[in-house]
Amino acid sequence: MYPPLNPILIQLGPFALHWYGLILTTGIIVGSLVASKYVARHGQDAGNVFDLLLWIIIPAILGARLYYVFIQSPRTANGLGQYLANPILILEVWRGGIHIYGALIFGTIALLLYMRVRKLPALIYLDAIGLALLIGQAIGRVANFINQELYGPPTTLPWGLRIDAAHRIPPYNDLTQYPDSTRFQPLFLYESIWNFIGFGLIFWISRRFEKQLRDGDIILLYLIWYPFGRFFLEFGRTDSWFFPGTPFNLVHLLSAISIISSATFLYLRHRPGQTTRVQVKVAGVGTMVIEHTNPEVETVEATNSQSNDERENETLTKEESKSETGKVVVDDTETLTEEQKASNI
């Protein structure tokens, strides 16, 4: 497997349009469209997503680049050393070298500031971004193929990646030990496939279990799915700084924290007895907020016309239904019982 395209799409004097930038831009646009559809489905203005881009795109790219340069890069002359010796290289993003975790950190800070200024529900937009990131990353990884980067150890698999000498990283730049015929694991491809699968799965969950999900659940699923795949892919990378004497790097640590904390939050939000609020628009009534408690099983004494002895020995196990625990709030000012709700509607 070998990139069929020159990294530069168009060259006009000093101006050059790189495939890397074009592919990343395509991923951002597709992700933004997915996010806008999601927020519109949840009662928000789809245009806010594109306004939000103006707030987060530059901080996200800046964070992604700084993370790669100062954290991800190996502590060698060809890694961090070259950036310290020639700082202008830090700005040359089109040459490759960005990291999603840096984009998440800086982008999330910018997003929360935007939510605070515009007084928007942050969890809905975070869910939308969770879906957008998966499809955007899946597309963006193709750019690594064009730039001949994000590859792993040598392989004899038929889809092994051919890497030119100019793009080899230590120790694979030793052509005596790793000649031109050597093929490498396409880690970018594995991550792209993982993200496509994750997008399809989480998108299906967002529709299939829409009534059971709470705002913020989708972003938690993203923070479980993506780091889980990335955790294992990191073992195949040699362009990272690893903790001395271990096969682990900072990405392993951050991924583990993300997976464990997100899974814990997701469980706590849906454990039996937790209350969920759902907004419903009803013509002639207004916006109604339905509160219900997650189902839990309890045992109560059965009451019927049987004898006292039989009543004392019988119990009936029942599951609490939404209608038994529910409350309806109209315009957040008036609380109605279920009977009043039925008569008003």
C-alpha atoms as a PDB file:
ATOM      1  CA  MET A   1       0.000   0.000   0.000  1.00  0.00           C
ATOM      2  CA  TYR A   2       1.441   3.327  -1.079  1.00  0.00           C
ATOM      3  CA  PRO A   3      -0.020   6.869  -1.351  1.00  0.00           C
ATOM      4  CA  PRO A   4      -1.065   7.397  -4.983  1.00  0.00           C
ATOM      5  CA  LEU A   5      -1.007  11.201  -4.650  1.00  0.00           C
ATOM      6  CA  ASN A   6       1.562  13.934  -4.243  1.00  0.00           C
ATOM      7  CA  PRO A   7       1.108  15.634  -0.829  1.00  0.00           C
ATOM      8  CA  ILE A   8       0.686  18.963  -2.663  1.00  0.00           C
ATOM      9  CA  LEU A   9      -2.537  19.246  -4.636  1.00  0.00           C
ATOM     10  CA  ILE A  10      -1.900  22.650  -6.232  1.00  0.00           C
ATOM     11  CA  GLN A  11       1.248  24.774  -6.335  1.00  0.00           C
ATOM     12  CA  LEU A  12       0.951  28.412  -7.452  1.00  0.00           C
ATOM     13  CA  GLY A  13       4.232  30.183  -6.756  1.00  0.00           C
ATOM     14  CA  PRO A  14       4.685  30.359  -2.980  1.00  0.00           C
ATOM     15  CA  PHE A  15       1.105  29.205  -2.424  1.00  0.00           C
ATOM     16  CA  ALA A  16       0.502  25.486  -2.041  1.00  0.00           C
ATOM     17  CA  LEU A  17      -2.708  23.595  -1.328  1.00  0.00           C
ATOM     18  CA  HIS A  18      -1.875  20.407   0.550  1.00  0.00           C
ATOM     19  CA  TRP A  19      -4.005  17.274   0.565  1.00  0.00           C
ATOM     20  CA  TYR A  20      -3.445  17.153   4.322  1.00  0.00           C
ATOM     21  CA  GLY A  21      -5.278  20.422   4.911  1.00  0.00           C
ATOM     22  CA  LEU A  22      -7.995  19.618   2.389  1.00  0.00           C
ATOM     23  CA  ILE A  23      -8.781  16.250   3.979  1.00  0.00           C
ATOM     24  CA  LEU A  24      -8.818  17.710   7.488  1.00  0.00           C
ATOM     25  CA  THR A  25     -11.153  20.467   6.303  1.00  0.00           C
ATOM     26  CA  THR A  26     -13.459  17.852   4.774  1.00  0.00           C
ATOM     27  CA  GLY A  27     -13.576  16.020   8.103  1.00  0.00           C
ATOM     28  CA  ILE A  28     -14.417  19.260   9.929  1.00  0.00           C
ATOM     29  CA  ILE A  29     -17.230  20.100   7.486  1.00  0.00           C
ATOM     30  CA  VAL A  30     -18.778  16.621   7.616  1.00  0.00           C
ATOM     31  CA  GLY A  31     -18.516  16.583  11.408  1.00  0.00           C
ATOM     32  CA  SER A  32     -20.129  20.023  11.632  1.00  0.00           C
ATOM     33  CA  LEU A  33     -23.060  18.888   9.501  1.00  0.00           C
ATOM     34  CA  VAL A  34     -23.579  15.856  11.745  1.00  0.00           C
ATOM     35  CA  ALA A  35     -23.423  18.054  14.850  1.00  0.00           C
ATOM     36  CA  SER A  36     -25.859  20.606  13.429  1.00  0.00           C
ATOM     37  CA  LYS A  37     -28.391  17.873  12.629  1.00  0.00           C
ATOM     38  CA  TYR A  38     -28.047  16.507  16.147  1.00  0.00           C
ATOM     39  CA  VAL A  39     -28.626  19.810  17.959  1.00  0.00           C
ATOM     40  CA  ALA A  40     -31.559  20.643  15.667  1.00  0.00           C
ATOM     41  CA  ARG A  41     -33.136  17.290  16.559  1.00  0.00           C
ATOM     42  CA  HIS A  42     -32.818  18.277  20.224  1.00  0.00           C
ATOM     43  CA  GLY A  43     -34.515  21.640  19.879  1.00  0.00           C
ATOM     44  CA  GLN A  44     -31.467  23.864  19.338  1.00  0.00           C
ATOM     45  CA  ASP A  45     -30.543  26.216  16.514  1.00  0.00           C
ATOM     46  CA  ALA A  46     -28.353  24.324  14.022  1.00  0.00           C
ATOM     47  CA  GLY A  47     -26.632  27.584  13.114  1.00  0.00           C
ATOM     48  CA  ASN A  48     -25.044  27.702  16.564  1.00  0.00           C
ATOM     49  CA  VAL A  49     -22.760  24.837  15.554  1.00  0.00           C
ATOM     50  CA  PHE A  50     -21.186  26.869  12.755  1.00  0.00           C
ATOM     51  CA  ASP A  51     -20.872  29.907  15.034  1.00  0.00           C
ATOM     52  CA  LEU A  52     -19.209  27.631  17.555  1.00  0.00           C
ATOM     53  CA  LEU A  53     -16.628  26.598  14.963  1.00  0.00           C
ATOM     54  CA  LEU A  54     -15.272  30.153  14.925  1.00  0.00           C
ATOM     55  CA  TRP A  55     -14.638  29.845  18.654  1.00  0.00           C
ATOM     56  CA  ILE A  56     -13.066  26.400  18.822  1.00  0.00           C
ATOM     57  CA  ILE A  57     -11.331  25.656  15.511  1.00  0.00           C
ATOM     58  CA  ILE A  58      -8.242  27.810  16.141  1.00  0.00           C
ATOM     59  CA  PRO A  59      -7.815  26.804  19.835  1.00  0.00           C
ATOM     60  CA  ALA A  60      -8.336  23.143  18.876  1.00  0.00           C
ATOM     61  CA  ILE A  61      -5.684  23.232  16.131  1.00  0.00           C
ATOM     62  CA  LEU A  62      -3.311  25.162  18.404  1.00  0.00           C
ATOM     63  CA  GLY A  63      -3.815  22.668  21.224  1.00  0.00           C
ATOM     64  CA  ALA A  64      -3.407  19.691  18.893  1.00  0.00           C
ATOM     65  CA  ARG A  65      -0.125  21.035  17.548  1.00  0.00           C
ATOM     66  CA  LEU A  66       1.337  22.063  20.918  1.00  0.00           C
ATOM     67  CA  TYR A  67       0.454  18.695  22.436  1.00  0.00           C
ATOM     68  CA  TYR A  68       2.204  16.879  19.601  1.00  0.00           C
ATOM     69  CA  VAL A  69       5.309  19.059  19.699  1.00  0.00           C
ATOM     70  CA  PHE A  70       5.889  19.237  23.460  1.00  0.00           C
ATOM     71  CA  ILE A  71       4.327  15.991  24.725  1.00  0.00           C
ATOM     72  CA  GLN A  72       3.988  13.464  21.912  1.00  0.00           C
ATOM     73  CA  SER A  73       7.301  14.041  20.130  1.00  0.00           C
ATOM     74  CA  PRO A  74      10.233  11.778  21.072  1.00  0.00           C
ATOM     75  CA  ARG A  75      12.925  13.433  23.187  1.00  0.00           C
ATOM     76  CA  THR A  76      15.468  13.214  20.359  1.00  0.00           C
ATOM     77  CA  ALA A  77      17.184  15.567  17.906  1.00  0.00           C
ATOM     78  CA  ASN A  78      14.683  14.559  15.222  1.00  0.00           C
ATOM     79  CA  GLY A  79      11.760  14.956  17.626  1.00  0.00           C
ATOM     80  CA  LEU A  80      11.386  17.735  20.161  1.00  0.00           C
ATOM     81  CA  GLY A  81      14.940  18.848  19.455  1.00  0.00           C
ATOM     82  CA  GLN A  82      14.203  20.022  15.928  1.00  0.00           C
ATOM     83  CA  TYR A  83      11.283  22.168  17.133  1.00  0.00           C
ATOM     84  CA  LEU A  84      13.356  23.782  19.868  1.00  0.00           C
ATOM     85  CA  ALA A  85      16.201  24.446  17.444  1.00  0.00           C
ATOM     86  CA  ASN A  86      13.875  25.860  14.776  1.00  0.00           C
ATOM     87  CA  PRO A  87      10.618  27.100  16.403  1.00  0.00           C
ATOM     88  CA  ILE A  88       9.127  28.151  13.042  1.00  0.00           C
ATOM     89  CA  LEU A  89       8.554  24.421  12.395  1.00  0.00           C
ATOM     90  CA  ILE A  90       5.902  24.452  15.111  1.00  0.00           C
ATOM     91  CA  LEU A  91       3.689  26.580  12.856  1.00  0.00           C
ATOM     92  CA  GLU A  92       4.038  24.253   9.842  1.00  0.00           C
ATOM     93  CA  VAL A  93       0.988  22.155  10.664  1.00  0.00           C
ATOM     94  CA  TRP A  94       0.582  21.031   7.042  1.00  0.00           C
ATOM     95  CA  ARG A  95       3.701  18.891   7.395  1.00  0.00           C
ATOM     96  CA  GLY A  96       1.767  16.732   9.848  1.00  0.00           C
ATOM     97  CA  GLY A  97       1.996  16.297  13.572  1.00  0.00           C
ATOM     98  CA  ILE A  98      -1.157  17.093  15.553  1.00  0.00           C
ATOM     99  CA  HIS A  99      -2.771  15.217  18.423  1.00  0.00           C
ATOM    100  CA  ILE A 100      -6.466  14.790  19.153  1.00  0.00           C
ATOM    101  CA  TYR A 101      -6.041  15.013  22.932  1.00  0.00           C
ATOM    102  CA  GLY A 102      -4.586  18.495  22.661  1.00  0.00           C
ATOM    103  CA  ALA A 103      -7.496  19.479  20.403  1.00  0.00           C
ATOM    104  CA  LEU A 104      -9.973  18.074  22.947  1.00  0.00           C
ATOM    105  CA  ILE A 105      -8.446  19.978  25.867  1.00  0.00           C
ATOM    106  CA  PHE A 106      -8.187  23.389  24.170  1.00  0.00           C
ATOM    107  CA  GLY A 107     -11.391  22.913  22.155  1.00  0.00           C
ATOM    108  CA  THR A 108     -13.435  21.974  25.229  1.00  0.00           C
ATOM    109  CA  ILE A 109     -12.262  25.072  27.090  1.00  0.00           C
ATOM    110  CA  ALA A 110     -13.291  27.259  24.142  1.00  0.00           C
ATOM    111  CA  LEU A 111     -16.637  25.449  23.833  1.00  0.00           C
ATOM    112  CA  LEU A 112     -17.513  25.939  27.502  1.00  0.00           C
ATOM    113  CA  LEU A 113     -16.686  29.631  27.244  1.00  0.00           C
ATOM    114  CA  TYR A 114     -18.969  29.899  24.208  1.00  0.00           C
ATOM    115  CA  MET A 115     -21.767  28.063  26.047  1.00  0.00           C
ATOM    116  CA  ARG A 116     -21.416  30.411  28.992  1.00  0.00           C
ATOM    117  CA  VAL A 117     -21.482  33.548  26.861  1.00  0.00           C
ATOM    118  CA  ARG A 118     -24.466  32.372  24.772  1.00  0.00           C
ATOM    119  CA  LYS A 119     -26.219  30.664  27.726  1.00  0.00           C
ATOM    120  CA  LEU A 120     -26.712  27.424  25.790  1.00  0.00           C
ATOM    121  CA  PRO A 121     -27.130  23.861  27.161  1.00  0.00           C
ATOM    122  CA  ALA A 122     -23.534  22.608  27.094  1.00  0.00           C
ATOM    123  CA  LEU A 123     -24.355  18.893  27.371  1.00  0.00           C
ATOM    124  CA  ILE A 124     -26.419  18.826  24.169  1.00  0.00           C
ATOM    125  CA  TYR A 125     -23.607  20.467  22.223  1.00  0.00           C
ATOM    126  CA  LEU A 126     -20.993  18.198  23.790  1.00  0.00           C
ATOM    127  CA  ASP A 127     -23.040  15.197  22.648  1.00  0.00           C
ATOM    128  CA  ALA A 128     -23.177  16.623  19.142  1.00  0.00           C
ATOM    129  CA  ILE A 129     -19.422  17.149  19.134  1.00  0.00           C
ATOM    130  CA  GLY A 130     -18.881  13.579  20.331  1.00  0.00           C
ATOM    131  CA  LEU A 131     -20.600  12.267  17.195  1.00  0.00           C
ATOM    132  CA  ALA A 132     -18.892  14.863  15.004  1.00  0.00           C
ATOM    133  CA  LEU A 133     -15.436  13.980  16.290  1.00  0.00           C
ATOM    134  CA  LEU A 134     -15.747  10.301  15.435  1.00  0.00           C
ATOM    135  CA  ILE A 135     -16.731  10.841  11.808  1.00  0.00           C
ATOM    136  CA  GLY A 136     -14.334  13.785  11.450  1.00  0.00           C
ATOM    137  CA  GLN A 137     -11.397  11.800  12.819  1.00  0.00           C
ATOM    138  CA  ALA A 138     -12.249   8.805  10.648  1.00  0.00           C
ATOM    139  CA  ILE A 139     -12.028  11.007   7.549  1.00  0.00           C
ATOM    140  CA  GLY A 140      -9.042  13.014   8.772  1.00  0.00           C
ATOM    141  CA  ARG A 141      -6.879   9.919   9.257  1.00  0.00           C
ATOM    142  CA  VAL A 142      -6.692   9.563   5.473  1.00  0.00           C
ATOM    143  CA  ALA A 143      -4.426  12.619   5.560  1.00  0.00           C
ATOM    144  CA  ASN A 144      -1.868  10.553   7.473  1.00  0.00           C
ATOM    145  CA  PHE A 145      -1.792   8.127   4.549  1.00  0.00           C
ATOM    146  CA  ILE A 146      -0.956  10.919   2.101  1.00  0.00           C
ATOM    147  CA  ASN A 147       1.807  12.227   4.377  1.00  0.00           C
ATOM    148  CA  GLN A 148       3.179   8.736   5.106  1.00  0.00           C
ATOM    149  CA  GLU A 149       2.835   9.042   8.878  1.00  0.00           C
ATOM    150  CA  LEU A 150       1.185   7.314  11.814  1.00  0.00           C
ATOM    151  CA  TYR A 151       2.502   3.857  10.997  1.00  0.00           C
ATOM    152  CA  GLY A 152       3.660   1.043  13.222  1.00  0.00           C
ATOM    153  CA  PRO A 153       6.221  -1.767  13.241  1.00  0.00           C
ATOM    154  CA  PRO A 154       7.169  -3.863  10.200  1.00  0.00           C
ATOM    155  CA  THR A 155       4.640  -6.382   8.926  1.00  0.00           C
ATOM    156  CA  THR A 156       4.221  -9.020   6.210  1.00  0.00           C
ATOM    157  CA  LEU A 157       0.476  -8.455   5.945  1.00  0.00           C
ATOM    158  CA  PRO A 158      -0.793  -7.767   2.398  1.00  0.00           C
ATOM    159  CA  TRP A 159      -1.999  -4.288   3.394  1.00  0.00           C
ATOM    160  CA  GLY A 160       1.381  -3.291   4.794  1.00  0.00           C
ATOM    161  CA  LEU A 161       2.364   0.313   4.136  1.00  0.00           C
ATOM    162  CA  ARG A 162       5.396   1.294   2.077  1.00  0.00           C
ATOM    163  CA  ILE A 163       7.245   4.262   3.604  1.00  0.00           C
ATOM    164  CA  ASP A 164       9.839   6.297   1.717  1.00  0.00           C
ATOM    165  CA  ALA A 165      13.216   6.830   3.386  1.00  0.00           C
ATOM    166  CA  ALA A 166      12.506  10.544   3.842  1.00  0.00           C
ATOM    167  CA  HIS A 167       9.486   9.741   6.018  1.00  0.00           C
ATOM    168  CA  ARG A 168      11.076   7.010   8.135  1.00  0.00           C
ATOM    169  CA  ILE A 169      11.349   7.563  11.875  1.00  0.00           C
ATOM    170  CA  PRO A 170      13.908   5.888  14.166  1.00  0.00           C
ATOM    171  CA  PRO A 171      14.687   3.030  14.240  1.00  0.00           C
ATOM    172  CA  TYR A 172      13.089   2.395  10.849  1.00  0.00           C
ATOM    173  CA  ASN A 173      15.282   4.962   9.104  1.00  0.00           C
ATOM    174  CA  ASP A 174      18.127   2.428   9.196  1.00  0.00           C
ATOM    175  CA  LEU A 175      17.822   1.154   5.600  1.00  0.00           C
ATOM    176  CA  THR A 176      20.343  -1.573   6.256  1.00  0.00           C
ATOM    177  CA  GLN A 177      18.087  -3.211   8.785  1.00  0.00           C
ATOM    178  CA  TYR A 178      14.833  -1.988   7.209  1.00  0.00           C
ATOM    179  CA  PRO A 179      15.320  -1.842   3.407  1.00  0.00           C
ATOM    180  CA  ASP A 180      12.920  -0.230   0.942  1.00  0.00           C
ATOM    181  CA  SER A 181      11.027  -3.505   0.635  1.00  0.00           C
ATOM    182  CA  THR A 182       9.970  -3.333   4.308  1.00  0.00           C
ATOM    183  CA  ARG A 183       6.266  -2.771   4.874  1.00  0.00           C
ATOM    184  CA  PHE A 184       4.753  -1.249   8.018  1.00  0.00           C
ATOM    185  CA  GLN A 185       1.520  -1.519   9.972  1.00  0.00           C
ATOM    186  CA  PRO A 186      -0.925   1.227   8.842  1.00  0.00           C
ATOM    187  CA  LEU A 187      -2.004   2.413  12.283  1.00  0.00           C
ATOM    188  CA  PHE A 188      -3.882   5.338  10.719  1.00  0.00           C
ATOM    189  CA  LEU A 189      -6.079   2.846   8.860  1.00  0.00           C
ATOM    190  CA  TYR A 190      -6.890   0.872  11.994  1.00  0.00           C
ATOM    191  CA  GLU A 191      -7.851   4.032  13.847  1.00  0.00           C
ATOM    192  CA  SER A 192      -9.941   5.257  10.920  1.00  0.00           C
ATOM    193  CA  ILE A 193     -11.881   1.970  10.802  1.00  0.00           C
ATOM    194  CA  TRP A 194     -12.305   2.035  14.590  1.00  0.00           C
ATOM    195  CA  ASN A 195     -13.747   5.546  14.395  1.00  0.00           C
ATOM    196  CA  PHE A 196     -16.115   4.698  11.540  1.00  0.00           C
ATOM    197  CA  ILE A 197     -17.430   1.726  13.527  1.00  0.00           C
ATOM    198  CA  GLY A 198     -17.742   3.875  16.646  1.00  0.00           C
ATOM    199  CA  PHE A 199     -19.643   6.566  14.785  1.00  0.00           C
ATOM    200  CA  GLY A 200     -22.087   4.037  13.337  1.00  0.00           C
ATOM    201  CA  LEU A 201     -22.627   2.343  16.700  1.00  0.00           C
ATOM    202  CA  ILE A 202     -23.054   5.486  18.799  1.00  0.00           C
ATOM    203  CA  PHE A 203     -25.252   7.120  16.143  1.00  0.00           C
ATOM    204  CA  TRP A 204     -27.489   4.029  16.225  1.00  0.00           C
ATOM    205  CA  ILE A 205     -27.593   4.156  20.036  1.00  0.00           C
ATOM    206  CA  SER A 206     -28.516   7.864  19.913  1.00  0.00           C
ATOM    207  CA  ARG A 207     -31.588   7.009  17.811  1.00  0.00           C
ATOM    208  CA  ARG A 208     -32.545   3.594  19.151  1.00  0.00           C
ATOM    209  CA  PHE A 209     -32.399   4.623  22.824  1.00  0.00           C
ATOM    210  CA  GLU A 210     -33.181   8.310  22.398  1.00  0.00           C
ATOM    211  CA  LYS A 211     -35.827   8.330  25.141  1.00  0.00           C
ATOM    212  CA  GLN A 212     -33.600   6.547  27.649  1.00  0.00           C
ATOM    213  CA  LEU A 213     -30.477   8.633  27.036  1.00  0.00           C
ATOM    214  CA  ARG A 214     -29.741  11.756  29.019  1.00  0.00           C
ATOM    215  CA  ASP A 215     -27.941  14.845  27.788  1.00  0.00           C
ATOM    216  CA  GLY A 216     -24.238  14.159  28.131  1.00  0.00           C
ATOM    217  CA  ASP A 217     -24.426  10.405  27.540  1.00  0.00           C
ATOM    218  CA  ILE A 218     -23.167  10.563  23.946  1.00  0.00           C
ATOM    219  CA  ILE A 219     -20.003  12.448  24.834  1.00  0.00           C
ATOM    220  CA  LEU A 220     -19.369   9.928  27.627  1.00  0.00           C
ATOM    221  CA  LEU A 221     -19.706   7.089  25.098  1.00  0.00           C
ATOM    222  CA  TYR A 222     -17.210   8.872  22.861  1.00  0.00           C
ATOM    223  CA  LEU A 223     -14.799   9.271  25.781  1.00  0.00           C
ATOM    224  CA  ILE A 224     -15.012   5.509  26.302  1.00  0.00           C
ATOM    225  CA  TRP A 225     -14.933   4.302  22.691  1.00  0.00           C
ATOM    226  CA  TYR A 226     -12.174   6.409  21.171  1.00  0.00           C
ATOM    227  CA  PRO A 227      -9.637   6.190  24.052  1.00  0.00           C
ATOM    228  CA  PHE A 228     -10.194   2.415  24.250  1.00  0.00           C
ATOM    229  CA  GLY A 229      -9.046   1.946  20.658  1.00  0.00           C
ATOM    230  CA  ARG A 230      -6.297   4.537  20.970  1.00  0.00           C
ATOM    231  CA  PHE A 231      -4.917   2.840  24.089  1.00  0.00           C
ATOM    232  CA  PHE A 232      -3.993  -0.290  22.138  1.00  0.00           C
ATOM    233  CA  LEU A 233      -2.825   1.496  18.992  1.00  0.00           C
ATOM    234  CA  GLU A 234      -0.269   3.438  21.025  1.00  0.00           C
ATOM    235  CA  PHE A 235       1.699   0.249  21.662  1.00  0.00           C
ATOM    236  CA  GLY A 236       2.581   0.194  17.967  1.00  0.00           C
ATOM    237  CA  ARG A 237       3.907   3.744  17.777  1.00  0.00           C
ATOM    238  CA  THR A 238       7.557   4.719  17.980  1.00  0.00           C
ATOM    239  CA  ASP A 239       7.094   8.465  17.385  1.00  0.00           C
ATOM    240  CA  SER A 240       6.034   9.087  20.983  1.00  0.00           C
ATOM    241  CA  TRP A 241       7.791   9.816  24.240  1.00  0.00           C
ATOM    242  CA  PHE A 242       7.402   6.817  26.569  1.00  0.00           C
ATOM    243  CA  PHE A 243       7.866   6.645  30.301  1.00  0.00           C
ATOM    244  CA  PRO A 244      11.426   5.369  30.856  1.00  0.00           C
ATOM    245  CA  GLY A 245      11.666   1.606  30.974  1.00  0.00           C
ATOM    246  CA  THR A 246       7.998   1.038  30.112  1.00  0.00           C
ATOM    247  CA  PRO A 247       5.904   0.493  26.966  1.00  0.00           C
ATOM    248  CA  PHE A 248       3.487   3.193  28.180  1.00  0.00           C
ATOM    249  CA  ASN A 249       3.235   6.868  27.326  1.00  0.00           C
ATOM    250  CA  LEU A 250       1.059   9.761  28.456  1.00  0.00           C
ATOM    251  CA  VAL A 251      -1.677   8.781  25.986  1.00  0.00           C
ATOM    252  CA  HIS A 252      -2.061   5.434  27.765  1.00  0.00           C
ATOM    253  CA  LEU A 253      -2.513   7.240  31.072  1.00  0.00           C
ATOM    254  CA  LEU A 254      -4.999   9.793  29.701  1.00  0.00           C
ATOM    255  CA  SER A 255      -6.929   7.074  27.857  1.00  0.00           C
ATOM    256  CA  ALA A 256      -7.243   4.934  30.985  1.00  0.00           C
ATOM    257  CA  ILE A 257      -8.445   7.920  33.026  1.00  0.00           C
ATOM    258  CA  SER A 258     -10.975   8.828  30.325  1.00  0.00           C
ATOM    259  CA  ILE A 259     -12.352   5.290  30.016  1.00  0.00           C
ATOM    260  CA  ILE A 260     -12.686   4.623  33.749  1.00  0.00           C
ATOM    261  CA  SER A 261     -14.126   8.025  34.695  1.00  0.00           C
ATOM    262  CA  SER A 262     -16.567   8.164  31.763  1.00  0.00           C
ATOM    263  CA  ALA A 263     -17.809   4.614  32.336  1.00  0.00           C
ATOM    264  CA  THR A 264     -18.298   5.398  36.032  1.00  0.00           C
ATOM    265  CA  PHE A 265     -20.250   8.589  35.312  1.00  0.00           C
ATOM    266  CA  LEU A 266     -22.388   6.778  32.747  1.00  0.00           C
ATOM    267  CA  TYR A 267     -23.260   4.042  35.233  1.00  0.00           C
ATOM    268  CA  LEU A 268     -24.047   6.488  38.037  1.00  0.00           C
ATOM    269  CA  ARG A 269     -26.334   8.495  35.753  1.00  0.00           C
ATOM    270  CA  HIS A 270     -28.396   5.404  34.886  1.00  0.00           C
ATOM    271  CA  ARG A 271     -28.330   3.389  38.066  1.00  0.00           C
ATOM    272  CA  PRO A 272     -31.772   2.482  39.502  1.00  0.00           C
ATOM    273  CA  GLY A 273     -33.427   5.372  41.318  1.00  0.00           C
ATOM    274  CA  GLN A 274     -31.890   8.164  39.231  1.00  0.00           C
ATOM    275  CA  THR A 275     -34.300  10.828  37.931  1.00  0.00           C
ATOM    276  CA  THR A 276     -34.371  11.810  34.258  1.00  0.00           C
ATOM    277  CA  ARG A 277     -35.950  14.964  32.796  1.00  0.00           C
ATOM    278  CA  VAL A 278     -37.389  14.943  29.270  1.00  0.00           C
ATOM    279  CA  GLN A 279     -38.699  18.064  27.471  1.00  0.00           C
ATOM    280  CA  VAL A 280     -41.799  17.652  25.293  1.00  0.00           C
ATOM    281  CA  LYS A 281     -43.587  20.330  23.258  1.00  0.00           C
ATOM    282  CA  VAL A 282     -47.375  20.006  23.308  1.00  0.00           C
ATOM    283  CA  ALA A 283     -49.576  22.152  21.088  1.00  0.00           C
ATOM    284  CA  GLY A 284     -51.820  24.434  23.099  1.00  0.00           C
ATOM    285  CA  VAL A 285     -50.041  23.650  26.348  1.00  0.00           C
ATOM    286  CA  GLY A 286     -46.423  24.682  25.938  1.00  0.00           C
ATOM    287  CA  THR A 287     -43.110  23.072  26.819  1.00  0.00           C
ATOM    288  CA  MET A 288     -43.541  20.194  29.239  1.00  0.00           C
ATOM    289  CA  VAL A 289     -40.729  18.667  31.275  1.00  0.00           C
ATOM    290  CA  ILE A 290     -41.463  15.050  32.175  1.00  0.00           C
ATOM    291  CA  GLU A 291     -39.545  13.686  35.132  1.00  0.00           C
ATOM    292  CA  HIS A 292     -39.231   9.952  35.645  1.00  0.00           C
ATOM    293  CA  THR A 293     -37.168   7.674  37.806  1.00  0.00           C
ATOM    294  CA  ASN A 294     -35.071   4.860  36.342  1.00  0.00           C
ATOM    295  CA  PRO A 295     -36.905   1.563  36.864  1.00  0.00           C
ATOM    296  CA  GLU A 296     -36.216  -0.392  40.009  1.00  0.00           C
ATOM    297  CA  VAL A 297     -37.898  -3.479  41.404  1.00  0.00           C
ATOM    298  CA  GLU A 298     -39.638  -3.379  44.736  1.00  0.00           C
ATOM    299  CA  THR A 299     -41.860  -5.782  46.667  1.00  0.00           C
ATOM    300  CA  VAL A 300     -45.257  -4.644  48.003  1.00  0.00           C
ATOM    301  CA  GLU A 301     -48.065  -6.416  49.701  1.00  0.00           C
ATOM    302  CA  ALA A 302     -50.872  -7.493  47.406  1.00  0.00           C
ATOM    303  CA  THR A 303     -54.340  -6.208  48.306  1.00  0.00           C
ATOM    304  CA  ASN A 304     -57.328  -8.150  47.100  1.00  0.00           C
ATOM    305  CA  SER A 305     -60.433  -9.887  48.394  1.00  0.00           C
ATOM    306  CA  GLN A 306     -58.622 -12.996  49.630  1.00  0.00           C
ATOM    307  CA  SER A 307     -58.515 -14.006  53.260  1.00  0.00           C
ATOM    308  CA  ASN A 308     -56.205 -12.309  55.737  1.00  0.00           C
ATOM    309  CA  ASP A 309     -53.959 -15.365  55.951  1.00  0.00           C
ATOM    310  CA  GLU A 310     -53.499 -15.451  52.162  1.00  0.00           C
ATOM    311  CA  ARG A 311     -52.783 -11.727  52.017  1.00  0.00           C
ATOM    312  CA  GLU A 312     -50.086 -12.078  54.647  1.00  0.00           C
ATOM    313  CA  ASN A 313     -48.324 -14.843  52.688  1.00  0.00           C
ATOM    314  CA  GLU A 314     -48.525 -13.312  49.204  1.00  0.00           C
ATOM    315  CA  THR A 315     -46.373 -10.534  47.776  1.00  0.00           C
ATOM    316  CA  LEU A 316     -46.455  -9.066  44.379  1.00  0.00           C
ATOM    317  CA  THR A 317     -43.315  -7.885  42.663  1.00  0.00           C
ATOM    318  CA  LYS A 318     -43.917  -5.007  40.366  1.00  0.00           C
ATOM    319  CA  GLU A 319     -41.788  -2.607  38.335  1.00  0.00           C
ATOM    320  CA  GLU A 320     -42.338   1.082  38.769  1.00  0.00           C
ATOM    321  CA  SER A 321     -43.575   2.595  35.520  1.00  0.00           C
ATOM    322  CA  LYS A 322     -42.904   6.076  34.277  1.00  0.00           C
ATOM    323  CA  SER A 323     -46.514   7.069  34.818  1.00  0.00           C
ATOM    324  CA  GLU A 324     -46.317   6.118  38.523  1.00  0.00           C
ATOM    325  CA  THR A 325     -43.238   8.217  39.205  1.00  0.00           C
ATOM    326  CA  GLY A 326     -43.700  10.938  36.665  1.00  0.00           C
ATOM    327  CA  LYS A 327     -44.297  14.640  37.050  1.00  0.00           C
ATOM    328  CA  VAL A 328     -44.965  17.119  34.315  1.00  0.00           C
ATOM    329  CA  VAL A 329     -43.813  20.709  34.474  1.00  0.00           C
ATOM    330  CA  VAL A 330     -45.367  23.241  32.084  1.00  0.00           C
ATOM    331  CA  ASP A 331     -43.028  26.109  31.161  1.00  0.00           C
ATOM    332  CA  ASP A 332     -41.032  25.226  34.302  1.00  0.00           C
ATOM    333  CA  THR A 333     -43.612  27.019  36.486  1.00  0.00           C
ATOM    334  CA  GLU A 334     -46.582  24.705  37.042  1.00  0.00           C
ATOM    335  CA  THR A 335     -46.432  21.084  38.264  1.00  0.00           C
ATOM    336  CA  LEU A 336     -49.288  18.815  37.184  1.00  0.00           C
ATOM    337  CA  THR A 337     -50.251  15.320  38.259  1.00  0.00           C
ATOM    338  CA  GLU A 338     -50.662  12.621  35.624  1.00  0.00           C
ATOM    339  CA  GLU A 339     -54.469  12.947  35.764  1.00  0.00           C
ATOM    340  CA  GLN A 340     -54.276  16.745  35.249  1.00  0.00           C
ATOM    341  CA  LYS A 341     -51.813  16.281  32.402  1.00  0.00           C
ATOM    342  CA  ALA A 342     -54.212  13.894  30.612  1.00  0.00           C
ATOM    343  CA  SER A 343     -57.159  16.256  30.996  1.00  0.00           C
ATOM    344  CA  ASN A 344     -55.178  19.297  29.742  1.00  0.00           C
ATOM    345  CA  ILE A 345     -53.771  17.514  26.720  1.00  0.00           C
END
